[in-house]
Amino acid sequence: MKAWLEGPPLFRHETFVSLRDADAAGVLFFARHQALAHDAYEIFLTRNGMNPGKIIAESRYALPIVHVEADYRAPLHCGDGVVIEMRVAEVRTRSFTLEFSLSNSEGALASRVRTTHASVSLATRKAVPLPEELVRALRPNDANPVCDS
């Protein structure tokens, strides 16, 4: 597993652990860590003018997750506040990797989630270049070209 990124996040989202997120012991169910990270990603897209529903309905591409991994450090309980920070690990021609840290309201790290997304043509189901608007959102302060994939 690659080392996790540190430094300022590209995006930050605050939420809480709801009853539906918790297991019978009142602890955030492991798969819900990924779901909360994905929720933050969708909010990031929407705030950058790329509503996920519109992308699916009106675009010729999709951005499916092709790889996910997670490390769990400490439990989050029902009712706990959760701070989700999103960092961009890599932007390639046809894919990108995001890293999310989930912490409690006091700042204690609970988990880290890494997702890799591919840009895929809906017509052919083949990889296609990332949309320019997405690259701009993922790399707002970077004029360097993306890596080849």
Protein backbone atom coordinates (compact mmCIF):
# COMPACT_ATOMS: atom_id res chain seq x y z
CA MET A 1 0.00 0.00 0.00
CA LYS A 2 1.24 3.48 -0.86
CA ALA A 3 1.92 6.06 1.84
CA TRP A 4 -1.03 8.30 2.62
CA LEU A 5 -0.91 11.98 1.65
CA GLU A 6 -0.57 14.71 4.23
CA GLY A 7 -1.04 18.45 3.88
CA PRO A 8 -4.02 20.66 3.20
CA PRO A 9 -7.06 19.00 1.63
CA LEU A 10 -8.62 20.05 -1.65
CA PHE A 11 -12.07 19.62 -0.10
CA ARG A 12 -13.47 19.28 3.42
CA HIS A 13 -16.93 18.09 4.42
CA GLU A 14 -18.52 17.70 7.84
CA THR A 15 -21.28 15.23 8.63
CA PHE A 16 -22.20 12.80 11.42
CA VAL A 17 -22.68 9.07 11.95
CA SER A 18 -26.39 8.39 11.59
CA LEU A 19 -28.23 5.42 13.03
CA ARG A 20 -28.43 3.79 9.58
CA ASP A 21 -24.61 3.96 9.33
CA ALA A 22 -23.96 2.06 12.55
CA ASP A 23 -23.83 -1.65 13.30
CA ALA A 24 -25.60 -3.31 16.26
CA ALA A 25 -22.86 -2.06 18.62
CA GLY A 26 -23.47 1.54 17.52
CA VAL A 27 -20.15 1.74 15.63
CA LEU A 28 -19.84 3.01 12.05
CA PHE A 29 -20.04 -0.10 9.84
CA PHE A 30 -16.79 -0.59 7.89
CA ALA A 31 -18.35 -0.20 4.43
CA ARG A 32 -19.97 3.07 5.46
CA HIS A 33 -16.52 4.68 5.72
CA GLN A 34 -16.28 4.32 1.92
CA ALA A 35 -19.85 5.54 1.50
CA LEU A 36 -19.18 8.70 3.54
CA ALA A 37 -16.02 9.33 1.51
CA HIS A 38 -18.00 8.92 -1.70
CA ASP A 39 -20.68 11.29 -0.42
CA ALA A 40 -17.97 13.93 0.09
CA TYR A 41 -16.68 13.28 -3.46
CA GLU A 42 -20.18 13.76 -4.91
CA ILE A 43 -20.61 17.03 -2.99
CA PHE A 44 -17.21 18.17 -4.30
CA LEU A 45 -18.31 17.41 -7.87
CA THR A 46 -21.60 19.26 -7.41
CA ARG A 47 -19.91 22.33 -5.91
CA ASN A 48 -17.62 22.36 -8.96
CA GLY A 49 -20.51 22.35 -11.45
CA MET A 50 -20.49 18.61 -12.16
CA ASN A 51 -23.66 17.24 -10.63
CA PRO A 52 -23.32 13.42 -10.64
CA GLY A 53 -26.94 12.97 -11.76
CA LYS A 54 -26.41 15.28 -14.71
CA ILE A 55 -23.15 13.55 -15.63
CA ILE A 56 -25.00 10.23 -15.82
CA ALA A 57 -28.04 11.62 -17.64
CA GLU A 58 -26.42 14.10 -20.02
CA SER A 59 -22.80 13.14 -20.57
CA ARG A 60 -21.09 10.54 -22.70
CA TYR A 61 -18.84 9.35 -19.90
CA ALA A 62 -18.96 7.78 -16.45
CA LEU A 63 -16.40 7.85 -13.62
CA PRO A 64 -16.64 4.40 -12.00
CA ILE A 65 -14.45 3.39 -9.09
CA VAL A 66 -12.01 0.73 -10.28
CA HIS A 67 -10.08 0.32 -7.03
CA VAL A 68 -10.74 1.07 -3.37
CA GLU A 69 -8.75 0.48 -0.21
CA ALA A 70 -9.08 1.55 3.39
CA ASP A 71 -7.27 1.59 6.72
CA TYR A 72 -9.25 1.71 9.95
CA ARG A 73 -7.67 3.37 12.98
CA ALA A 74 -10.41 4.11 15.53
CA PRO A 75 -14.16 3.64 15.80
CA LEU A 76 -16.73 6.29 15.05
CA HIS A 77 -19.99 5.93 16.97
CA CYS A 78 -23.61 6.75 16.22
CA GLY A 79 -24.07 10.51 16.67
CA ASP A 80 -20.34 11.33 16.35
CA GLY A 81 -19.39 14.24 14.14
CA VAL A 82 -17.19 13.25 11.19
CA VAL A 83 -14.79 15.50 9.30
CA ILE A 84 -13.92 14.18 5.84
CA GLU A 85 -10.92 15.64 4.04
CA MET A 86 -10.30 14.84 0.37
CA ARG A 87 -6.88 15.01 -1.25
CA VAL A 88 -5.90 14.29 -4.85
CA ALA A 89 -3.22 11.61 -4.97
CA GLU A 90 -2.86 11.38 -8.74
CA VAL A 91 -4.42 12.66 -11.94
CA ARG A 92 -3.65 10.66 -15.08
CA THR A 93 -4.97 10.99 -18.61
CA ARG A 94 -7.84 8.52 -18.09
CA SER A 95 -8.00 8.05 -14.33
CA PHE A 96 -7.53 9.77 -10.99
CA THR A 97 -6.97 8.71 -7.40
CA LEU A 98 -8.45 10.41 -4.35
CA GLU A 99 -7.58 9.97 -0.70
CA PHE A 100 -9.99 10.69 2.13
CA SER A 101 -9.30 10.97 5.84
CA LEU A 102 -12.24 10.56 8.21
CA SER A 103 -11.75 12.03 11.68
CA ASN A 104 -14.00 12.62 14.64
CA SER A 105 -14.98 16.14 15.70
CA GLU A 106 -11.95 16.35 17.99
CA GLY A 107 -9.58 15.58 15.09
CA ALA A 108 -8.70 11.96 15.92
CA LEU A 109 -8.17 9.95 12.74
CA ALA A 110 -10.72 7.14 12.35
CA SER A 111 -9.97 5.87 8.83
CA ARG A 112 -8.44 6.58 5.47
CA VAL A 113 -10.01 5.63 2.17
CA ARG A 114 -8.36 5.67 -1.26
CA THR A 115 -10.40 5.42 -4.47
CA THR A 116 -9.25 5.24 -8.08
CA HIS A 117 -11.74 6.30 -10.73
CA ALA A 118 -11.55 5.70 -14.48
CA SER A 119 -13.12 7.84 -17.19
CA VAL A 120 -15.19 5.52 -19.37
CA SER A 121 -17.23 6.11 -22.52
CA LEU A 122 -20.86 5.15 -21.94
CA ALA A 123 -21.15 4.13 -25.61
CA THR A 124 -18.10 1.88 -25.85
CA ARG A 125 -17.31 1.13 -22.17
CA LYS A 126 -13.66 1.91 -23.03
CA ALA A 127 -11.37 4.30 -21.19
CA VAL A 128 -11.43 7.89 -22.47
CA PRO A 129 -9.56 11.05 -21.39
CA LEU A 130 -10.80 12.77 -18.26
CA PRO A 131 -13.11 15.72 -18.94
CA GLU A 132 -11.21 19.03 -18.81
CA GLU A 133 -13.62 20.49 -16.24
CA LEU A 134 -12.86 17.60 -13.91
CA VAL A 135 -9.10 17.97 -14.34
CA ARG A 136 -9.41 21.69 -13.56
CA ALA A 137 -11.41 20.93 -10.42
CA LEU A 138 -8.95 18.27 -9.25
CA ARG A 139 -5.89 20.43 -9.96
CA PRO A 140 -7.06 24.04 -9.43
CA ASN A 141 -3.59 25.48 -8.75
CA ASP A 142 -1.57 23.29 -11.08
CA ALA A 143 -0.70 24.18 -14.66
CA ASN A 144 1.34 20.99 -15.13
CA PRO A 145 0.05 18.42 -17.60
CA VAL A 146 -1.50 15.22 -16.26
CA CYS A 147 0.45 11.96 -16.32
CA ASP A 148 -0.11 9.50 -19.13
CA SER A 149 -2.01 6.36 -18.18
